[in-house]
Amino acid sequence: MDQTHTLQLKEQRMGWWREAKFGMFIHWGLYAIPAGKWKGRAIPGIGEWIMKRAQIPAGEYAMLAREFNPVAFDAKAWVDAAVNAGMKYIVITAKHHDGFAMYRSKASDYNITHASPFRRDPMKELAEQCAKAGLKLCFYYSQTQDWYEKDAVGNDWDFPEPSDEDFQSYLDRKVKPQLQELLTGYGPIGLIWFDTPRSITEAQSRELADFVHKLQPDCIVNGRVGNGLGDYLCLGDNETPATALAADWETCATLNHTWGYKTDDQSWKSPETLIRLLSDIVGKGGTYLLNVGPTAEGVIPQPSVNVLSEVGEWLKVNAEAIYGTQANPFATEFDWGTITTRPGKVYVHLFERPKETLALHGLKNRVRKAHMLADPQSELEFEQTYDESTDTHALRVSLPKQIPVSAVTVLALDIDGAAEADNTLAQQADGHVMLEAHRSVIHGGEAGAKACLSKAGVLTDWSDENEWLSWEFKVTNPGTFHLRIRSLAEKARDAMGETIGRWEGGHRLQAEVAGQQLEFDIVEHSRVQNARSAYFHRIHTECGSVSIDRPGTYTFKLKAIKLNYEQQLGLKLVSVDLLLN
């Protein structure tokens, strides 16, 4: 098959996913029975990993199947919860790392209809209800880790690590036969969601992706099939990027801290946080796959349902600004919110209300009308100008005195054509200059020690003090600027799997701009916790002030005097902010 035809097939199968923007992830399996506790002891970490974290022998864990009888499972109720939330597809664990198939499998007796008293096939019932509701049904399948199988990866307390030949045998004996069952017995499947590729080879990853596409050419394969393959990019769990990415991508995220149900984890995200995350992810061109973890009885916890229904209520008003939209055309992350677009439209998502006007620099399109999306008949006054001397496009929109209370308020702009932005790195309308890591130029350093950008656009692996960063930017409104460094805390795990927000300071840096130098230590002055930092906190370091006394183009240099790597974390740089006083 030639490359052009292959790309055409990919474009065809990606169409529904690019339109959907919002889906429901469901982690459900035997792990819902212990729900985070084993033999009276609370096991740290995420619920679906209890077999691994507690080192439960495979034979002992398998005995849970005899207890698994989720008679309260109601496929229609689950699908209704997704529909009411405004979700367009469901991804459910057909087989997680514990190796237990949640459907009627002939390839392995270790499945819900054979090994449990339940006997029903929940995947079949979900397929029927998804078809009735117009939702895409998708399957999660753990291709590399299978703690029940000696020839798979992950169970090092029962079995030695498999040889290459053993692992290929596992792929041929269990993985491909089960994928064939899932792709031939449940109707059209939107997506196979692979996970934790670990030691799988490129040839094996390609073999699985091709196997899926051969059985269902319109079925998407996610990036965690491994080795840079798959139809789209998966970021890390709960990870969002600093800016739009030049690829199809997805954030999968939890409603609390766990994926599989845990009785002790009732830390539900608020509707406001979820709505802002949805706006932020879609504004960066991504898709939001949000998880629920049903109980062993087969019930989605009511707090999850309640929170999701509030997201759905917001979407009933603001659907136009989410589904089928394109990313923010500006290559920057706005503190006040984000932007989505479609031809002829710009949607400004406001997380916080500006004072009396919304000011935006860099939109090149002619604006014909401005109104609140919730009130299409309203018309807001606006002014659009272009300053030839500074090459600055400016837009100011007068906001109504009263704006309905909402987690995200959307302002709609009718424009000529597709949105086009001036992405020169320049001072924003509020006077601030945001020098984001993903827009820096990296200089110097020894071969092999290069600092780099993560998939999320954060500078990592800065360990060589000979390396330095620079940005060239434009100032239109000079003055005195406060310098702030924004860095990222880890969502790290200790030996028991407990999530801890570690961060490493102790670095000494030097900034140079407009003939001035500042030296400062990276310390934690504040830890920002908002929707964007719900999973990975952002750390603010206040570094002093610099003066820029005239408009023009300037170069900012950031150099390392000392880089601290005692915790093996280093500095994870998000941005350097120049805040006009």
Protein backbone atom coordinates (compact mmCIF):
# COMPACT_ATOMS: atom_id res chain seq x y z
CA MET A 1 0.00 0.00 0.00
CA ASP A 2 1.52 3.36 -1.00
CA GLN A 3 2.08 6.14 1.53
CA THR A 4 -0.54 8.44 0.00
CA HIS A 5 -3.26 5.80 0.32
CA THR A 6 -2.15 5.06 3.89
CA LEU A 7 -2.45 8.74 4.81
CA GLN A 8 -5.88 8.92 3.16
CA LEU A 9 -7.07 5.98 5.27
CA LYS A 10 -5.73 7.64 8.42
CA GLU A 11 -7.50 10.91 7.62
CA GLN A 12 -10.71 8.97 7.05
CA ARG A 13 -10.62 7.12 10.37
CA MET A 14 -9.51 10.18 12.39
CA GLY A 15 -12.48 12.31 11.30
CA TRP A 16 -14.94 11.35 14.05
CA TRP A 17 -12.26 11.59 16.76
CA ARG A 18 -11.22 15.10 15.73
CA GLU A 19 -14.86 16.14 15.91
CA ALA A 20 -15.59 14.44 19.26
CA LYS A 21 -13.11 16.22 21.60
CA PHE A 22 -14.50 14.60 24.76
CA GLY A 23 -14.77 10.94 25.74
CA MET A 24 -15.36 8.69 28.74
CA PHE A 25 -12.61 6.35 29.93
CA ILE A 26 -13.79 3.43 32.09
CA HIS A 27 -11.42 1.35 34.23
CA TRP A 28 -13.36 -1.66 35.49
CA GLY A 29 -12.18 -5.10 36.48
CA LEU A 30 -11.46 -7.49 39.34
CA TYR A 31 -9.47 -4.76 41.09
CA ALA A 32 -12.78 -3.07 41.95
CA ILE A 33 -13.41 -5.83 44.53
CA PRO A 34 -10.47 -5.06 46.87
CA ALA A 35 -10.90 -1.38 45.95
CA GLY A 36 -7.48 -0.41 47.27
CA LYS A 37 -7.24 -2.77 50.26
CA TRP A 38 -5.66 -6.21 50.54
CA LYS A 39 -5.98 -8.42 53.61
CA GLY A 40 -7.02 -5.44 55.70
CA ARG A 41 -4.14 -3.25 54.56
CA ALA A 42 -4.54 -0.10 52.45
CA ILE A 43 -2.32 -0.43 49.38
CA PRO A 44 -0.87 2.88 48.16
CA GLY A 45 -1.16 3.86 44.53
CA ILE A 46 -3.83 3.58 41.88
CA GLY A 47 -6.57 1.01 42.40
CA GLU A 48 -6.14 -1.06 39.24
CA TRP A 49 -2.46 -1.68 40.11
CA ILE A 50 -3.21 -3.41 43.43
CA MET A 51 -2.02 -6.80 42.16
CA LYS A 52 1.37 -5.29 41.30
CA ARG A 53 1.69 -3.00 44.32
CA ALA A 54 0.78 -5.73 46.83
CA GLN A 55 2.72 -8.42 44.90
CA ILE A 56 -0.35 -10.68 44.94
CA PRO A 57 0.38 -14.11 43.43
CA ALA A 58 -1.48 -14.61 40.17
CA GLY A 59 -3.32 -17.68 41.43
CA GLU A 60 -4.48 -15.89 44.56
CA TYR A 61 -5.59 -12.78 42.67
CA ALA A 62 -7.49 -14.94 40.18
CA MET A 63 -9.69 -16.18 43.04
CA LEU A 64 -11.33 -12.73 43.01
CA ALA A 65 -13.15 -13.77 39.86
CA ARG A 66 -15.30 -16.14 41.93
CA GLU A 67 -16.60 -13.10 43.83
CA PHE A 68 -17.14 -10.89 40.81
CA ASN A 69 -20.88 -10.66 40.26
CA PRO A 70 -21.75 -7.06 39.26
CA VAL A 71 -25.49 -7.58 39.10
CA ALA A 72 -26.13 -3.81 39.33
CA PHE A 73 -24.34 -3.24 36.01
CA ASP A 74 -26.62 -1.32 33.65
CA ALA A 75 -25.06 -0.55 30.27
CA LYS A 76 -27.77 1.99 29.48
CA ALA A 77 -27.08 3.90 32.71
CA TRP A 78 -23.39 4.09 31.86
CA VAL A 79 -24.06 5.27 28.32
CA ASP A 80 -26.62 7.78 29.61
CA ALA A 81 -23.99 9.19 31.99
CA ALA A 82 -21.63 9.71 29.06
CA VAL A 83 -24.32 11.27 26.88
CA ASN A 84 -25.46 13.59 29.68
CA ALA A 85 -21.86 14.71 30.14
CA GLY A 86 -21.58 15.62 26.46
CA MET A 87 -19.10 12.82 25.79
CA LYS A 88 -19.00 11.35 22.29
CA TYR A 89 -17.22 8.03 22.81
CA ILE A 90 -16.44 5.44 25.48
CA VAL A 91 -13.13 3.63 25.99
CA ILE A 92 -13.46 0.68 28.39
CA THR A 93 -10.90 -1.80 29.71
CA ALA A 94 -11.48 -5.03 27.81
CA LYS A 95 -8.31 -6.36 29.46
CA HIS A 96 -6.12 -4.43 31.88
CA HIS A 97 -2.67 -5.37 33.21
CA ASP A 98 -4.17 -8.00 35.54
CA GLY A 99 -4.91 -10.09 32.44
CA PHE A 100 -8.62 -10.61 33.16
CA ALA A 101 -10.83 -10.22 30.09
CA MET A 102 -14.04 -8.29 30.76
CA TYR A 103 -15.87 -9.98 27.89
CA ARG A 104 -16.65 -13.49 26.57
CA SER A 105 -13.26 -14.66 25.29
CA LYS A 106 -12.55 -18.02 23.68
CA ALA A 107 -8.83 -17.21 23.58
CA SER A 108 -8.52 -17.37 27.40
CA ASP A 109 -10.77 -18.88 30.08
CA TYR A 110 -9.64 -16.09 32.39
CA ASN A 111 -12.65 -13.93 31.53
CA ILE A 112 -15.85 -12.60 33.06
CA THR A 113 -18.27 -15.11 31.52
CA HIS A 114 -16.19 -18.20 32.28
CA ALA A 115 -14.39 -17.47 35.56
CA SER A 116 -17.04 -15.39 37.38
CA PRO A 117 -20.64 -16.11 38.38
CA PHE A 118 -21.80 -13.09 36.36
CA ARG A 119 -21.90 -14.92 33.00
CA ARG A 120 -23.08 -11.85 31.07
CA ASP A 121 -20.87 -10.05 28.54
CA PRO A 122 -20.82 -6.36 29.56
CA MET A 123 -18.98 -5.37 26.38
CA LYS A 124 -21.81 -6.79 24.27
CA GLU A 125 -24.39 -4.87 26.30
CA LEU A 126 -22.35 -1.66 26.04
CA ALA A 127 -21.97 -2.14 22.28
CA GLU A 128 -25.76 -2.33 21.93
CA GLN A 129 -26.40 0.77 24.05
CA CYS A 130 -23.63 2.82 22.41
CA ALA A 131 -25.09 2.03 18.98
CA LYS A 132 -28.53 3.19 20.12
CA ALA A 133 -27.12 6.42 21.57
CA GLY A 134 -24.81 7.20 18.64
CA LEU A 135 -21.63 6.90 20.73
CA LYS A 136 -18.45 5.27 19.48
CA LEU A 137 -17.44 2.22 21.51
CA CYS A 138 -13.69 1.77 21.94
CA PHE A 139 -11.64 -0.84 23.79
CA TYR A 140 -8.63 -0.46 26.08
CA TYR A 141 -6.30 -3.45 25.75
CA SER A 142 -3.05 -3.98 27.68
CA GLN A 143 -0.76 -5.50 25.07
CA THR A 144 2.56 -5.78 26.91
CA GLN A 145 1.81 -6.07 30.61
CA ASP A 146 -0.25 -9.07 31.67
CA TRP A 147 0.41 -10.13 35.26
CA TYR A 148 -1.49 -13.40 34.81
CA GLU A 149 0.73 -14.64 31.99
CA LYS A 150 4.26 -15.94 32.51
CA ASP A 151 5.27 -15.00 28.96
CA ALA A 152 4.09 -11.39 29.25
CA VAL A 153 5.76 -8.44 30.96
CA GLY A 154 5.18 -7.10 34.46
CA ASN A 155 4.77 -9.96 36.95
CA ASP A 156 8.30 -10.30 38.30
CA TRP A 157 7.18 -11.73 41.67
CA ASP A 158 5.70 -14.92 40.15
CA PHE A 159 7.60 -15.26 36.90
CA PRO A 160 11.02 -14.28 35.56
CA GLU A 161 11.04 -11.70 32.80
CA PRO A 162 10.14 -13.45 29.53
CA SER A 163 12.57 -14.04 26.72
CA ASP A 164 11.95 -12.40 23.38
CA GLU A 165 10.63 -15.71 22.08
CA ASP A 166 8.30 -16.14 25.06
CA PHE A 167 6.87 -12.65 24.67
CA GLN A 168 6.20 -13.18 20.96
CA SER A 169 4.46 -16.41 21.90
CA TYR A 170 2.21 -14.46 24.29
CA LEU A 171 1.37 -11.97 21.53
CA ASP A 172 0.47 -14.78 19.14
CA ARG A 173 -1.36 -16.94 21.69
CA LYS A 174 -3.39 -14.34 23.59
CA VAL A 175 -3.09 -10.75 22.39
CA LYS A 176 -3.90 -11.14 18.71
CA PRO A 177 -6.67 -13.71 19.24
CA GLN A 178 -8.33 -11.44 21.80
CA LEU A 179 -7.97 -8.39 19.57
CA GLN A 180 -9.59 -10.40 16.79
CA GLU A 181 -12.49 -11.24 19.10
CA LEU A 182 -12.96 -7.60 20.07
CA LEU A 183 -12.78 -6.41 16.47
CA THR A 184 -15.11 -9.02 14.99
CA GLY A 185 -17.72 -9.58 17.69
CA TYR A 186 -18.88 -6.12 18.78
CA GLY A 187 -19.61 -4.16 15.64
CA PRO A 188 -17.64 -1.12 14.44
CA ILE A 189 -15.02 -0.18 17.04
CA GLY A 190 -13.81 3.41 17.08
CA LEU A 191 -10.44 2.91 18.73
CA ILE A 192 -8.13 0.33 20.28
CA TRP A 193 -6.43 2.02 23.23
CA PHE A 194 -3.15 0.24 23.94
CA ASP A 195 -1.06 1.00 27.03
CA THR A 196 2.42 0.75 28.61
CA PRO A 197 4.36 -0.61 25.61
CA ARG A 198 7.45 -1.17 27.77
CA SER A 199 9.84 -3.58 25.98
CA ILE A 200 7.69 -4.27 22.92
CA THR A 201 9.75 -3.94 19.74
CA GLU A 202 8.99 -1.63 16.86
CA ALA A 203 8.20 -4.62 14.67
CA GLN A 204 5.74 -5.94 17.25
CA SER A 205 4.08 -2.54 17.68
CA ARG A 206 3.70 -2.26 13.92
CA GLU A 207 2.38 -5.82 13.76
CA LEU A 208 -0.40 -4.97 16.25
CA ALA A 209 -1.32 -1.67 14.57
CA ASP A 210 -1.49 -3.37 11.17
CA PHE A 211 -3.50 -6.23 12.67
CA VAL A 212 -6.12 -3.78 13.97
CA HIS A 213 -6.28 -1.85 10.70
CA LYS A 214 -6.60 -5.06 8.67
CA LEU A 215 -9.62 -6.19 10.68
CA GLN A 216 -11.23 -2.73 10.85
CA PRO A 217 -9.58 -0.12 8.59
CA ASP A 218 -11.60 2.66 10.24
CA CYS A 219 -10.49 1.72 13.77
CA ILE A 220 -7.98 4.15 15.29
CA VAL A 221 -4.86 2.91 17.13
CA ASN A 222 -3.56 5.16 19.89
CA GLY A 223 0.08 6.14 20.35
CA ARG A 224 0.69 3.78 23.26
CA VAL A 225 0.93 0.88 20.86
CA GLY A 226 4.57 1.93 21.18
CA ASN A 227 7.68 2.98 19.30
CA GLY A 228 6.26 6.21 17.90
CA LEU A 229 3.52 4.40 15.99
CA GLY A 230 -0.24 4.79 16.22
CA ASP A 231 -2.63 7.29 14.71
CA TYR A 232 -2.26 9.98 17.37
CA LEU A 233 -0.03 11.09 20.22
CA CYS A 234 -0.82 10.10 23.81
CA LEU A 235 0.63 12.37 26.46
CA GLY A 236 1.44 11.01 29.91
CA ASP A 237 -1.41 10.30 32.29
CA ASN A 238 -3.08 13.57 33.35
CA GLU A 239 -0.55 15.59 31.32
CA THR A 240 -1.46 18.66 29.28
CA PRO A 241 0.91 20.57 27.01
CA ALA A 242 2.01 24.17 27.31
CA THR A 243 0.75 24.98 23.83
CA ALA A 244 -0.95 23.49 20.78
CA LEU A 245 0.95 20.55 19.29
CA ALA A 246 1.57 19.93 15.60
CA ALA A 247 -0.14 16.54 15.75
CA ASP A 248 -3.37 14.87 16.84
CA TRP A 249 -3.07 14.31 20.59
CA GLU A 250 -5.00 13.29 23.68
CA THR A 251 -4.95 13.79 27.42
CA CYS A 252 -6.34 10.91 29.46
CA ALA A 253 -7.15 12.00 32.98
CA THR A 254 -8.72 10.93 36.25
CA LEU A 255 -11.72 12.42 38.05
CA ASN A 256 -9.99 11.79 41.37
CA HIS A 257 -6.51 10.26 41.85
CA THR A 258 -7.14 6.65 40.83
CA TRP A 259 -8.35 5.03 37.63
CA GLY A 260 -9.82 1.82 39.04
CA TYR A 261 -12.25 2.23 41.94
CA LYS A 262 -10.81 2.79 45.45
CA THR A 263 -13.07 3.24 48.45
CA ASP A 264 -10.64 5.68 50.08
CA ASP A 265 -10.32 8.03 47.10
CA GLN A 266 -13.19 10.49 47.18
CA SER A 267 -11.11 13.47 45.95
CA TRP A 268 -13.34 14.37 43.01
CA LYS A 269 -12.38 17.23 40.72
CA SER A 270 -14.87 20.09 40.70
CA PRO A 271 -17.06 20.81 37.65
CA GLU A 272 -15.23 24.13 37.28
CA THR A 273 -11.85 22.38 37.08
CA LEU A 274 -13.10 19.83 34.55
CA ILE A 275 -14.75 22.44 32.33
CA ARG A 276 -11.61 24.59 32.34
CA LEU A 277 -9.47 21.56 31.55
CA LEU A 278 -11.78 20.67 28.67
CA SER A 279 -11.52 24.21 27.29
CA ASP A 280 -7.75 24.28 27.77
CA ILE A 281 -7.15 20.90 26.13
CA VAL A 282 -9.41 21.60 23.15
CA GLY A 283 -7.86 25.08 22.87
CA LYS A 284 -4.50 23.36 22.43
CA GLY A 285 -5.90 21.07 19.74
CA GLY A 286 -6.34 18.00 21.93
CA THR A 287 -9.03 15.55 22.97
CA TYR A 288 -10.00 14.98 26.61
CA LEU A 289 -10.54 11.36 27.73
CA LEU A 290 -11.90 11.56 31.27
CA ASN A 291 -12.04 8.47 33.48
CA VAL A 292 -14.61 6.93 35.79
CA GLY A 293 -14.00 3.85 37.95
CA PRO A 294 -17.14 1.78 38.57
CA THR A 295 -17.58 -0.31 41.72
CA ALA A 296 -17.44 -4.09 41.91
CA GLU A 297 -21.24 -4.02 41.79
CA GLY A 298 -21.11 -2.33 38.40
CA VAL A 299 -22.14 1.17 39.45
CA ILE A 300 -20.41 4.41 38.47
CA PRO A 301 -19.99 6.35 41.75
CA GLN A 302 -22.73 8.96 42.05
CA PRO A 303 -20.30 11.86 42.71
CA SER A 304 -18.72 11.10 39.30
CA VAL A 305 -22.11 11.12 37.61
CA ASN A 306 -23.09 14.38 39.33
CA VAL A 307 -19.89 16.19 38.36
CA LEU A 308 -20.05 14.97 34.77
CA SER A 309 -23.66 16.07 34.40
CA GLU A 310 -22.63 19.62 35.32
CA VAL A 311 -20.00 19.53 32.57
CA GLY A 312 -22.78 18.41 30.25
CA GLU A 313 -24.97 21.35 31.26
CA TRP A 314 -22.14 23.74 30.34
CA LEU A 315 -21.70 21.99 27.00
CA LYS A 316 -25.38 22.38 26.15
CA VAL A 317 -24.75 26.14 26.04
CA ASN A 318 -21.19 26.13 24.71
CA ALA A 319 -21.03 23.08 22.41
CA GLU A 320 -20.25 25.26 19.39
CA ALA A 321 -16.98 26.34 21.02
CA ILE A 322 -15.82 22.75 21.63
CA TYR A 323 -16.94 20.07 19.16
CA GLY A 324 -15.15 20.07 15.83
CA THR A 325 -13.11 23.17 16.59
CA GLN A 326 -9.47 23.90 15.81
CA ALA A 327 -6.74 24.97 18.20
CA ASN A 328 -5.87 28.43 19.43
CA PRO A 329 -3.95 30.07 16.54
CA PHE A 330 -1.74 31.92 19.02
CA ALA A 331 1.40 30.03 20.06
CA THR A 332 1.01 31.06 23.68
CA GLU A 333 -0.98 30.10 26.76
CA PHE A 334 -3.11 32.97 28.05
CA ASP A 335 -3.50 33.30 31.82
CA TRP A 336 -7.10 34.46 31.36
CA GLY A 337 -8.20 31.39 29.37
CA THR A 338 -7.90 30.01 25.87
CA ILE A 339 -9.21 30.22 22.30
CA THR A 340 -10.82 27.75 19.91
CA THR A 341 -11.69 28.42 16.28
CA ARG A 342 -13.54 27.24 13.22
CA PRO A 343 -13.72 28.95 9.80
CA GLY A 344 -15.41 32.31 10.31
CA LYS A 345 -15.38 32.05 14.12
CA VAL A 346 -13.12 32.68 17.09
CA TYR A 347 -14.27 31.53 20.53
CA VAL A 348 -12.61 33.24 23.49
CA HIS A 349 -12.89 31.06 26.62
CA LEU A 350 -12.66 33.25 29.71
CA PHE A 351 -11.66 31.49 32.93
CA GLU A 352 -11.67 34.81 34.75
CA ARG A 353 -13.48 37.97 33.72
CA PRO A 354 -11.20 40.79 32.51
CA LYS A 355 -12.04 44.19 33.98
CA GLU A 356 -14.29 45.97 31.48
CA THR A 357 -12.75 45.04 28.16
CA LEU A 358 -11.08 42.08 26.56
CA ALA A 359 -7.87 43.15 24.83
CA LEU A 360 -6.19 40.85 22.34
CA HIS A 361 -3.11 41.54 20.23
CA GLY A 362 -2.25 39.70 17.03
CA LEU A 363 -5.58 38.66 15.46
CA LYS A 364 -5.20 39.55 11.78
CA ASN A 365 -8.73 38.78 10.60
CA ARG A 366 -11.40 41.42 10.25
CA VAL A 367 -13.97 41.05 13.05
CA ARG A 368 -17.58 41.53 11.95
CA LYS A 369 -19.43 40.88 15.21
CA ALA A 370 -18.76 40.11 18.87
CA HIS A 371 -21.30 38.52 21.21
CA MET A 372 -21.56 36.24 24.23
CA LEU A 373 -22.03 32.69 22.97
CA ALA A 374 -24.80 32.13 25.50
CA ASP A 375 -26.70 35.07 23.95
CA PRO A 376 -26.31 34.99 20.14
CA GLN A 377 -28.60 38.00 19.70
CA SER A 378 -26.38 40.25 21.80
CA GLU A 379 -23.89 42.53 20.08
CA LEU A 380 -20.87 43.85 21.94
CA GLU A 381 -19.00 46.99 21.00
CA PHE A 382 -15.46 46.43 19.78
CA GLU A 383 -12.56 48.34 18.27
CA GLN A 384 -10.00 46.88 15.90
CA THR A 385 -6.80 48.76 15.01
CA TYR A 386 -3.46 48.24 13.33
CA ASP A 387 -0.33 50.19 14.34
CA GLU A 388 2.03 50.19 11.38
CA SER A 389 4.96 51.57 13.40
CA THR A 390 4.94 48.54 15.73
CA ASP A 391 3.22 46.11 13.34
CA THR A 392 0.57 45.40 15.98
CA HIS A 393 -2.98 44.21 15.37
CA ALA A 394 -5.14 45.12 18.37
CA LEU A 395 -8.70 44.19 19.31
CA ARG A 396 -10.66 45.55 22.26
CA VAL A 397 -14.12 44.20 23.10
CA SER A 398 -16.35 45.92 25.65
CA LEU A 399 -17.84 43.30 27.95
CA PRO A 400 -21.34 43.51 29.43
CA LYS A 401 -21.58 44.70 33.01
CA GLN A 402 -23.27 41.46 34.02
CA ILE A 403 -21.95 38.15 32.74
CA PRO A 404 -23.71 34.94 33.82
CA VAL A 405 -21.69 33.01 36.39
CA SER A 406 -19.92 30.13 34.64
CA ALA A 407 -16.74 28.10 35.02
CA VAL A 408 -15.85 29.29 31.52
CA THR A 409 -17.63 32.15 29.79
CA VAL A 410 -17.33 32.10 26.00
CA LEU A 411 -17.13 35.21 23.84
CA ALA A 412 -17.77 34.58 20.13
CA LEU A 413 -16.22 36.62 17.34
CA ASP A 414 -17.52 36.44 13.78
CA ILE A 415 -14.52 36.93 11.49
CA ASP A 416 -13.60 36.85 7.81
CA GLY A 417 -12.05 33.50 6.87
CA ALA A 418 -10.05 31.11 9.01
CA ALA A 419 -8.40 32.58 12.10
CA GLU A 420 -4.91 33.92 11.48
CA ALA A 421 -2.63 35.19 14.24
CA ASP A 422 0.63 37.11 14.31
CA ASN A 423 2.84 34.73 16.28
CA THR A 424 5.77 37.05 16.67
CA LEU A 425 6.89 36.68 20.28
CA ALA A 426 5.61 39.99 21.58
CA GLN A 427 4.22 41.84 24.54
CA GLN A 428 0.61 40.90 25.17
CA ALA A 429 -2.28 43.30 25.49
CA ASP A 430 -2.03 43.28 29.31
CA GLY A 431 1.58 44.47 29.04
CA HIS A 432 3.15 41.16 29.99
CA VAL A 433 5.74 39.20 28.01
CA MET A 434 5.51 35.41 28.28
CA LEU A 435 8.73 33.68 27.24
CA GLU A 436 7.60 30.08 27.13
CA ALA A 437 10.13 27.26 27.13
CA HIS A 438 8.81 25.76 23.92
CA ARG A 439 9.64 29.00 22.10
CA SER A 440 13.23 29.22 23.33
CA VAL A 441 16.44 28.58 21.39
CA ILE A 442 18.82 26.20 23.20
CA HIS A 443 22.54 27.01 22.88
CA GLY A 444 25.84 25.38 23.81
CA GLY A 445 26.41 22.28 25.85
CA GLU A 446 28.39 19.12 25.33
CA ALA A 447 27.28 16.45 22.91
CA GLY A 448 24.88 14.03 24.53
CA ALA A 449 23.90 16.39 27.35
CA LYS A 450 21.37 18.44 25.43
CA ALA A 451 18.43 19.96 27.25
CA CYS A 452 15.24 19.18 25.42
CA LEU A 453 11.53 19.85 25.30
CA SER A 454 9.09 17.24 26.53
CA LYS A 455 6.02 16.31 24.50
CA ALA A 456 4.18 18.80 26.71
CA GLY A 457 6.49 21.67 25.73
CA VAL A 458 8.39 21.85 29.04
CA LEU A 459 12.20 22.16 29.09
CA THR A 460 13.72 19.11 30.78
CA ASP A 461 17.14 17.47 31.17
CA TRP A 462 18.93 20.80 31.62
CA SER A 463 21.98 19.40 33.39
CA ASP A 464 24.85 21.07 31.53
CA GLU A 465 25.71 24.52 32.88
CA ASN A 466 27.25 25.42 29.52
CA GLU A 467 23.83 25.30 27.93
CA TRP A 468 21.70 28.42 27.86
CA LEU A 469 18.42 29.66 26.43
CA SER A 470 17.42 32.72 24.48
CA TRP A 471 14.25 34.38 23.23
CA GLU A 472 13.82 37.31 20.85
CA PHE A 473 10.72 39.36 21.60
CA LYS A 474 9.03 42.64 20.78
CA VAL A 475 8.05 45.33 23.29
CA THR A 476 5.45 47.96 22.40
CA ASN A 477 4.74 49.31 25.89
CA PRO A 478 8.05 49.81 27.78
CA GLY A 479 8.43 50.10 31.53
CA THR A 480 9.65 48.19 34.58
CA PHE A 481 9.01 44.46 34.49
CA HIS A 482 8.92 41.97 37.34
CA LEU A 483 10.71 38.73 36.43
CA ARG A 484 9.05 35.42 37.34
CA ILE A 485 10.17 31.87 36.57
CA ARG A 486 7.47 29.21 36.24
CA SER A 487 8.55 25.59 36.66
CA LEU A 488 6.78 22.28 36.98
CA ALA A 489 6.53 19.87 39.89
CA GLU A 490 6.67 16.16 39.26
CA LYS A 491 3.70 13.89 39.58
CA ALA A 492 6.16 11.33 40.90
CA ARG A 493 5.62 8.02 42.72
CA ASP A 494 7.55 6.60 45.63
CA ALA A 495 8.42 2.91 45.95
CA MET A 496 4.88 2.04 47.02
CA GLY A 497 3.23 3.96 44.21
CA GLU A 498 2.00 6.91 46.26
CA THR A 499 1.66 10.09 44.24
CA ILE A 500 3.78 12.93 45.58
CA GLY A 501 4.27 16.35 43.99
CA ARG A 502 8.06 16.53 44.16
CA TRP A 503 9.99 19.52 42.88
CA GLU A 504 13.68 20.36 42.88
CA GLY A 505 14.98 23.85 43.50
CA GLY A 506 18.45 24.99 44.47
CA HIS A 507 19.44 26.14 40.98
CA ARG A 508 21.19 29.46 40.46
CA LEU A 509 20.47 31.24 37.17
CA GLN A 510 21.42 34.46 35.44
CA ALA A 511 19.10 36.54 33.25
CA GLU A 512 20.29 39.09 30.70
CA VAL A 513 18.05 41.59 28.91
CA ALA A 514 18.35 45.19 27.72
CA GLY A 515 21.91 45.53 29.05
CA GLN A 516 20.99 44.31 32.55
CA GLN A 517 21.91 41.17 34.45
CA LEU A 518 20.08 39.48 37.31
CA GLU A 519 21.29 36.51 39.33
CA PHE A 520 18.81 34.56 41.43
CA ASP A 521 18.13 31.22 43.08
CA ILE A 522 15.23 29.02 42.05
CA VAL A 523 13.19 28.60 45.22
CA GLU A 524 9.51 27.90 45.77
CA HIS A 525 7.81 31.22 46.49
CA SER A 526 4.35 29.93 45.63
CA ARG A 527 2.74 26.75 44.36
CA VAL A 528 -0.06 27.45 41.92
CA GLN A 529 -3.05 25.12 42.00
CA ASN A 530 -5.69 25.77 39.38
CA ALA A 531 -7.31 23.82 36.55
CA ARG A 532 -4.15 23.75 34.44
CA SER A 533 -2.07 22.61 37.41
CA ALA A 534 -4.64 20.20 38.84
CA TYR A 535 -2.31 17.24 38.33
CA PHE A 536 1.13 18.84 38.00
CA HIS A 537 1.55 21.90 40.21
CA ARG A 538 3.33 24.95 38.85
CA ILE A 539 5.98 26.60 41.01
CA HIS A 540 6.54 30.37 40.90
CA THR A 541 9.92 31.92 41.66
CA GLU A 542 10.05 35.73 41.96
CA CYS A 543 13.40 36.93 40.62
CA GLY A 544 13.57 40.74 40.71
CA SER A 545 12.96 43.54 38.21
CA VAL A 546 14.35 44.83 34.92
CA SER A 547 13.64 48.02 32.99
CA ILE A 548 13.00 48.36 29.28
CA ASP A 549 12.83 52.03 28.41
CA ARG A 550 11.82 52.08 24.74
CA PRO A 551 9.80 50.04 22.24
CA GLY A 552 11.74 47.62 20.10
CA THR A 553 13.02 44.08 19.69
CA TYR A 554 15.05 42.58 22.53
CA THR A 555 16.89 39.35 23.34
CA PHE A 556 16.45 37.63 26.68
CA LYS A 557 19.15 35.17 27.75
CA LEU A 558 18.81 32.66 30.58
CA LYS A 559 22.04 31.02 31.74
CA ALA A 560 22.89 28.49 34.43
CA ILE A 561 25.42 29.28 37.13
CA LYS A 562 24.54 26.13 39.07
CA LEU A 563 22.09 23.33 38.25
CA ASN A 564 21.00 21.05 41.09
CA TYR A 565 20.30 17.41 40.30
CA GLU A 566 20.42 15.85 43.78
CA GLN A 567 16.89 14.41 43.44
CA GLN A 568 17.44 13.55 39.77
CA LEU A 569 14.60 15.91 38.86
CA GLY A 570 16.37 19.10 37.84
CA LEU A 571 14.65 22.25 36.64
CA LYS A 572 11.54 21.70 34.54
CA LEU A 573 11.05 25.12 32.98
CA VAL A 574 7.61 26.21 31.80
CA SER A 575 8.25 29.90 31.12
CA VAL A 576 10.01 33.13 31.99
CA ASP A 577 7.45 35.88 32.56
CA LEU A 578 8.09 39.60 32.33
CA LEU A 579 5.19 41.24 34.16
CA LEU A 580 4.71 44.95 33.53
CA ASN A 581 4.45 46.84 36.83
